[in-house]
Amino acid sequence: MKALLPLSLLCLAFTLKAETKTSNADQSLEEVAAKRWSEMNSERIAGSANGQPITLSEVRQQVAPFVKEIREKSKSDDEFNKTVDDIANETLKSATDRQLVIAEFKNSSGMIPSSYIDAEIEDTIRRDFNGNRNRFIATLRAQGITPLAYRKIVEDRIIFDYMVEQVRR
């Protein structure tokens, strides 16, 4: 089952001006900034697919590379916020579709041999890290990813690519 939640809070993470409108006129700028920071940095579930949550930070991570370009092209804050919100919604839809495709593969008793996943990881280490496994592990740690979580990412990517190829045939 696919569920999508509104992403209007995502725009808060990318606006450059602080909102000073509050219900309490006595609230200081610091309190408003602290409230905004909390809203932007709290981990919320933006949507889910087949019981797998998609967090707001995952959506932000996908949208972040486009924010500077959107800011430069936008003529107003409203246009900027609408564009970011549209991209965030499209990103969330894409992520849920991806999770549903992966779930479909797993529900159909599909299995990817471990050797395929191992070979893909070894290719990445050889190609991107000149065969230096320690540098690869250090990079994963710097990104906050465990080797086991990375293995799951690679497995999901292989499954998704396989399923897309099956649809194309």
C-alpha atoms as a PDB file:
ATOM      1  CA  MET A   1       0.000   0.000   0.000  1.00  0.00           C
ATOM      2  CA  LYS A   2       1.266   3.431  -0.897  1.00  0.00           C
ATOM      3  CA  ALA A   3       0.746   6.440   1.381  1.00  0.00           C
ATOM      4  CA  LEU A   4       1.867   9.989   0.703  1.00  0.00           C
ATOM      5  CA  LEU A   5       1.832  12.815   3.214  1.00  0.00           C
ATOM      6  CA  PRO A   6       1.965  16.531   2.364  1.00  0.00           C
ATOM      7  CA  LEU A   7       5.451  18.005   2.095  1.00  0.00           C
ATOM      8  CA  SER A   8       4.721  21.638   2.813  1.00  0.00           C
ATOM      9  CA  LEU A   9       7.135  21.438   5.754  1.00  0.00           C
ATOM     10  CA  LEU A  10       9.933  20.621   3.342  1.00  0.00           C
ATOM     11  CA  CYS A  11       9.870  24.154   2.006  1.00  0.00           C
ATOM     12  CA  LEU A  12      10.783  25.371   5.486  1.00  0.00           C
ATOM     13  CA  ALA A  13      14.106  23.592   5.191  1.00  0.00           C
ATOM     14  CA  PHE A  14      15.110  25.540   2.122  1.00  0.00           C
ATOM     15  CA  THR A  15      13.822  29.051   2.654  1.00  0.00           C
ATOM     16  CA  LEU A  16      16.453  31.570   3.536  1.00  0.00           C
ATOM     17  CA  LYS A  17      14.307  34.026   5.433  1.00  0.00           C
ATOM     18  CA  ALA A  18      13.079  33.479   8.980  1.00  0.00           C
ATOM     19  CA  GLU A  19       9.380  33.556   9.625  1.00  0.00           C
ATOM     20  CA  THR A  20       8.618  36.086  12.269  1.00  0.00           C
ATOM     21  CA  LYS A  21       4.828  35.729  12.221  1.00  0.00           C
ATOM     22  CA  THR A  22       3.733  33.877  15.323  1.00  0.00           C
ATOM     23  CA  SER A  23       0.577  33.537  17.315  1.00  0.00           C
ATOM     24  CA  ASN A  24       2.413  34.981  20.307  1.00  0.00           C
ATOM     25  CA  ALA A  25       3.670  38.497  19.633  1.00  0.00           C
ATOM     26  CA  ASP A  26       6.052  38.286  22.599  1.00  0.00           C
ATOM     27  CA  GLN A  27       8.068  35.448  21.050  1.00  0.00           C
ATOM     28  CA  SER A  28      11.657  36.472  20.360  1.00  0.00           C
ATOM     29  CA  LEU A  29      13.510  35.975  17.100  1.00  0.00           C
ATOM     30  CA  GLU A  30      15.659  33.356  18.857  1.00  0.00           C
ATOM     31  CA  GLU A  31      12.569  31.378  19.851  1.00  0.00           C
ATOM     32  CA  VAL A  32      11.226  31.545  16.303  1.00  0.00           C
ATOM     33  CA  ALA A  33      14.600  30.428  14.929  1.00  0.00           C
ATOM     34  CA  ALA A  34      14.772  27.575  17.456  1.00  0.00           C
ATOM     35  CA  LYS A  35      11.267  26.452  16.523  1.00  0.00           C
ATOM     36  CA  ARG A  36      12.124  26.547  12.797  1.00  0.00           C
ATOM     37  CA  TRP A  37      15.351  24.625  13.421  1.00  0.00           C
ATOM     38  CA  SER A  38      13.407  21.962  15.325  1.00  0.00           C
ATOM     39  CA  GLU A  39      10.842  21.675  12.538  1.00  0.00           C
ATOM     40  CA  MET A  40      13.550  21.393   9.897  1.00  0.00           C
ATOM     41  CA  ASN A  41      15.717  18.890  11.741  1.00  0.00           C
ATOM     42  CA  SER A  42      13.159  16.618  13.320  1.00  0.00           C
ATOM     43  CA  GLU A  43      12.939  13.257  11.627  1.00  0.00           C
ATOM     44  CA  ARG A  44       9.477  12.853  10.201  1.00  0.00           C
ATOM     45  CA  ILE A  45       7.980  10.278   7.931  1.00  0.00           C
ATOM     46  CA  ALA A  46       7.025  11.891   4.635  1.00  0.00           C
ATOM     47  CA  GLY A  47       5.438   8.768   3.180  1.00  0.00           C
ATOM     48  CA  SER A  48       5.543   5.016   3.131  1.00  0.00           C
ATOM     49  CA  ALA A  49       5.318   2.200   0.664  1.00  0.00           C
ATOM     50  CA  ASN A  50       4.515  -1.350   1.654  1.00  0.00           C
ATOM     51  CA  GLY A  51       5.232  -0.557   5.298  1.00  0.00           C
ATOM     52  CA  GLN A  52       8.650   0.965   4.559  1.00  0.00           C
ATOM     53  CA  PRO A  53       8.901   4.585   5.729  1.00  0.00           C
ATOM     54  CA  ILE A  54      10.385   7.355   3.613  1.00  0.00           C
ATOM     55  CA  THR A  55      11.721  10.076   5.860  1.00  0.00           C
ATOM     56  CA  LEU A  56      11.683  13.785   5.257  1.00  0.00           C
ATOM     57  CA  SER A  57      15.486  13.833   5.455  1.00  0.00           C
ATOM     58  CA  GLU A  58      15.684  11.303   2.597  1.00  0.00           C
ATOM     59  CA  VAL A  59      13.487  13.549   0.471  1.00  0.00           C
ATOM     60  CA  ARG A  60      15.511  16.640   1.447  1.00  0.00           C
ATOM     61  CA  GLN A  61      18.723  14.837   0.510  1.00  0.00           C
ATOM     62  CA  GLN A  62      17.371  14.195  -2.981  1.00  0.00           C
ATOM     63  CA  VAL A  63      16.048  17.747  -3.412  1.00  0.00           C
ATOM     64  CA  ALA A  64      19.045  19.613  -1.930  1.00  0.00           C
ATOM     65  CA  PRO A  65      21.239  19.562  -5.081  1.00  0.00           C
ATOM     66  CA  PHE A  66      18.552  21.506  -6.980  1.00  0.00           C
ATOM     67  CA  VAL A  67      17.815  24.186  -4.393  1.00  0.00           C
ATOM     68  CA  LYS A  68      20.511  26.655  -5.460  1.00  0.00           C
ATOM     69  CA  GLU A  69      19.411  26.525  -9.104  1.00  0.00           C
ATOM     70  CA  ILE A  70      15.754  26.876  -8.114  1.00  0.00           C
ATOM     71  CA  ARG A  71      16.605  29.857  -5.895  1.00  0.00           C
ATOM     72  CA  GLU A  72      18.429  31.580  -8.771  1.00  0.00           C
ATOM     73  CA  LYS A  73      15.580  31.003 -11.244  1.00  0.00           C
ATOM     74  CA  SER A  74      12.737  31.904  -8.880  1.00  0.00           C
ATOM     75  CA  LYS A  75      11.355  35.406  -9.058  1.00  0.00           C
ATOM     76  CA  SER A  76       9.732  35.282  -5.615  1.00  0.00           C
ATOM     77  CA  ASP A  77       9.725  33.279  -2.405  1.00  0.00           C
ATOM     78  CA  ASP A  78       6.302  31.884  -3.270  1.00  0.00           C
ATOM     79  CA  GLU A  79       7.544  30.629  -6.636  1.00  0.00           C
ATOM     80  CA  PHE A  80      10.624  29.144  -4.954  1.00  0.00           C
ATOM     81  CA  ASN A  81       8.545  27.385  -2.283  1.00  0.00           C
ATOM     82  CA  LYS A  82       6.091  26.021  -4.859  1.00  0.00           C
ATOM     83  CA  THR A  83       8.887  24.699  -7.089  1.00  0.00           C
ATOM     84  CA  VAL A  84      10.695  23.049  -4.172  1.00  0.00           C
ATOM     85  CA  ASP A  85       7.418  21.552  -2.956  1.00  0.00           C
ATOM     86  CA  ASP A  86       6.644  20.198  -6.450  1.00  0.00           C
ATOM     87  CA  ILE A  87      10.093  18.617  -6.743  1.00  0.00           C
ATOM     88  CA  ALA A  88       9.801  17.192  -3.230  1.00  0.00           C
ATOM     89  CA  ASN A  89       6.429  15.629  -4.044  1.00  0.00           C
ATOM     90  CA  GLU A  90       7.818  14.133  -7.262  1.00  0.00           C
ATOM     91  CA  THR A  91      10.836  12.815  -5.339  1.00  0.00           C
ATOM     92  CA  LEU A  92       8.576  11.243  -2.728  1.00  0.00           C
ATOM     93  CA  LYS A  93       6.417   9.644  -5.432  1.00  0.00           C
ATOM     94  CA  SER A  94       9.516   8.261  -7.130  1.00  0.00           C
ATOM     95  CA  ALA A  95      10.844   6.862  -3.838  1.00  0.00           C
ATOM     96  CA  THR A  96       7.541   5.165  -3.022  1.00  0.00           C
ATOM     97  CA  ASP A  97       7.319   3.688  -6.522  1.00  0.00           C
ATOM     98  CA  ARG A  98      10.864   2.377  -6.159  1.00  0.00           C
ATOM     99  CA  GLN A  99      10.061   0.759  -2.810  1.00  0.00           C
ATOM    100  CA  LEU A 100       6.921  -0.816  -4.253  1.00  0.00           C
ATOM    101  CA  VAL A 101       8.895  -2.308  -7.161  1.00  0.00           C
ATOM    102  CA  ILE A 102      11.461  -3.765  -4.741  1.00  0.00           C
ATOM    103  CA  ALA A 103       8.675  -5.127  -2.506  1.00  0.00           C
ATOM    104  CA  GLU A 104       7.007  -6.729  -5.536  1.00  0.00           C
ATOM    105  CA  PHE A 105      10.245  -8.552  -6.364  1.00  0.00           C
ATOM    106  CA  LYS A 106      10.645  -9.793  -2.791  1.00  0.00           C
ATOM    107  CA  ASN A 107       6.986 -10.836  -2.536  1.00  0.00           C
ATOM    108  CA  SER A 108       7.338 -12.911  -5.699  1.00  0.00           C
ATOM    109  CA  SER A 109      10.030 -14.968  -3.928  1.00  0.00           C
ATOM    110  CA  GLY A 110      12.756 -13.375  -5.999  1.00  0.00           C
ATOM    111  CA  MET A 111      16.313 -13.672  -4.741  1.00  0.00           C
ATOM    112  CA  ILE A 112      19.512 -11.990  -5.824  1.00  0.00           C
ATOM    113  CA  PRO A 113      22.527 -14.264  -5.326  1.00  0.00           C
ATOM    114  CA  SER A 114      24.960 -12.932  -2.724  1.00  0.00           C
ATOM    115  CA  SER A 115      27.744 -13.251  -5.269  1.00  0.00           C
ATOM    116  CA  TYR A 116      26.065 -10.552  -7.441  1.00  0.00           C
ATOM    117  CA  ILE A 117      25.959  -8.137  -4.519  1.00  0.00           C
ATOM    118  CA  ASP A 118      29.534  -8.967  -3.486  1.00  0.00           C
ATOM    119  CA  ALA A 119      30.758  -8.464  -7.053  1.00  0.00           C
ATOM    120  CA  GLU A 120      29.024  -5.073  -7.292  1.00  0.00           C
ATOM    121  CA  ILE A 121      30.580  -3.922  -4.006  1.00  0.00           C
ATOM    122  CA  GLU A 122      34.019  -5.140  -5.100  1.00  0.00           C
ATOM    123  CA  ASP A 123      33.627  -3.299  -8.422  1.00  0.00           C
ATOM    124  CA  THR A 124      32.783  -0.120  -6.518  1.00  0.00           C
ATOM    125  CA  ILE A 125      35.828  -0.507  -4.266  1.00  0.00           C
ATOM    126  CA  ARG A 126      38.072  -1.177  -7.251  1.00  0.00           C
ATOM    127  CA  ARG A 127      36.631   1.618  -9.422  1.00  0.00           C
ATOM    128  CA  ASP A 128      36.017   4.397  -6.885  1.00  0.00           C
ATOM    129  CA  PHE A 129      38.625   3.649  -4.220  1.00  0.00           C
ATOM    130  CA  ASN A 130      41.468   2.087  -6.235  1.00  0.00           C
ATOM    131  CA  GLY A 131      40.920  -1.193  -4.418  1.00  0.00           C
ATOM    132  CA  ASN A 132      41.424   0.380  -0.976  1.00  0.00           C
ATOM    133  CA  ARG A 133      38.787  -1.282   1.219  1.00  0.00           C
ATOM    134  CA  ASN A 134      39.780   0.785   4.278  1.00  0.00           C
ATOM    135  CA  ARG A 135      39.127   4.029   2.400  1.00  0.00           C
ATOM    136  CA  PHE A 136      35.787   2.631   1.244  1.00  0.00           C
ATOM    137  CA  ILE A 137      34.771   1.763   4.828  1.00  0.00           C
ATOM    138  CA  ALA A 138      35.954   5.184   6.058  1.00  0.00           C
ATOM    139  CA  THR A 139      33.826   6.879   3.394  1.00  0.00           C
ATOM    140  CA  LEU A 140      30.783   4.847   4.422  1.00  0.00           C
ATOM    141  CA  ARG A 141      31.320   5.799   8.073  1.00  0.00           C
ATOM    142  CA  ALA A 142      31.700   9.471   7.155  1.00  0.00           C
ATOM    143  CA  GLN A 143      28.317   9.241   5.418  1.00  0.00           C
ATOM    144  CA  GLY A 144      26.786   7.499   8.429  1.00  0.00           C
ATOM    145  CA  ILE A 145      26.273   4.227   6.543  1.00  0.00           C
ATOM    146  CA  THR A 146      27.272   0.836   7.889  1.00  0.00           C
ATOM    147  CA  PRO A 147      28.696  -1.793   5.532  1.00  0.00           C
ATOM    148  CA  LEU A 148      25.551  -3.879   6.074  1.00  0.00           C
ATOM    149  CA  ALA A 149      23.296  -0.915   5.233  1.00  0.00           C
ATOM    150  CA  TYR A 150      25.380  -0.250   2.113  1.00  0.00           C
ATOM    151  CA  ARG A 151      24.981  -3.889   1.112  1.00  0.00           C
ATOM    152  CA  LYS A 152      21.195  -3.467   1.408  1.00  0.00           C
ATOM    153  CA  ILE A 153      21.366  -0.308  -0.741  1.00  0.00           C
ATOM    154  CA  VAL A 154      23.310  -2.209  -3.408  1.00  0.00           C
ATOM    155  CA  GLU A 155      20.889  -5.142  -3.250  1.00  0.00           C
ATOM    156  CA  ASP A 156      17.895  -2.810  -3.651  1.00  0.00           C
ATOM    157  CA  ARG A 157      19.573  -1.056  -6.593  1.00  0.00           C
ATOM    158  CA  ILE A 158      20.238  -4.400  -8.319  1.00  0.00           C
ATOM    159  CA  ILE A 159      16.636  -5.510  -7.719  1.00  0.00           C
ATOM    160  CA  PHE A 160      15.213  -2.226  -9.008  1.00  0.00           C
ATOM    161  CA  ASP A 161      17.395  -2.290 -12.123  1.00  0.00           C
ATOM    162  CA  TYR A 162      16.398  -5.918 -12.762  1.00  0.00           C
ATOM    163  CA  MET A 163      12.688  -5.155 -12.400  1.00  0.00           C
ATOM    164  CA  VAL A 164      12.911  -2.119 -14.688  1.00  0.00           C
ATOM    165  CA  GLU A 165      14.684  -4.271 -17.282  1.00  0.00           C
ATOM    166  CA  GLN A 166      11.896  -6.872 -17.032  1.00  0.00           C
ATOM    167  CA  VAL A 167       9.292  -4.197 -17.752  1.00  0.00           C
ATOM    168  CA  ARG A 168      11.242  -2.965 -20.781  1.00  0.00           C
ATOM    169  CA  ARG A 169      11.293  -6.449 -22.344  1.00  0.00           C
END
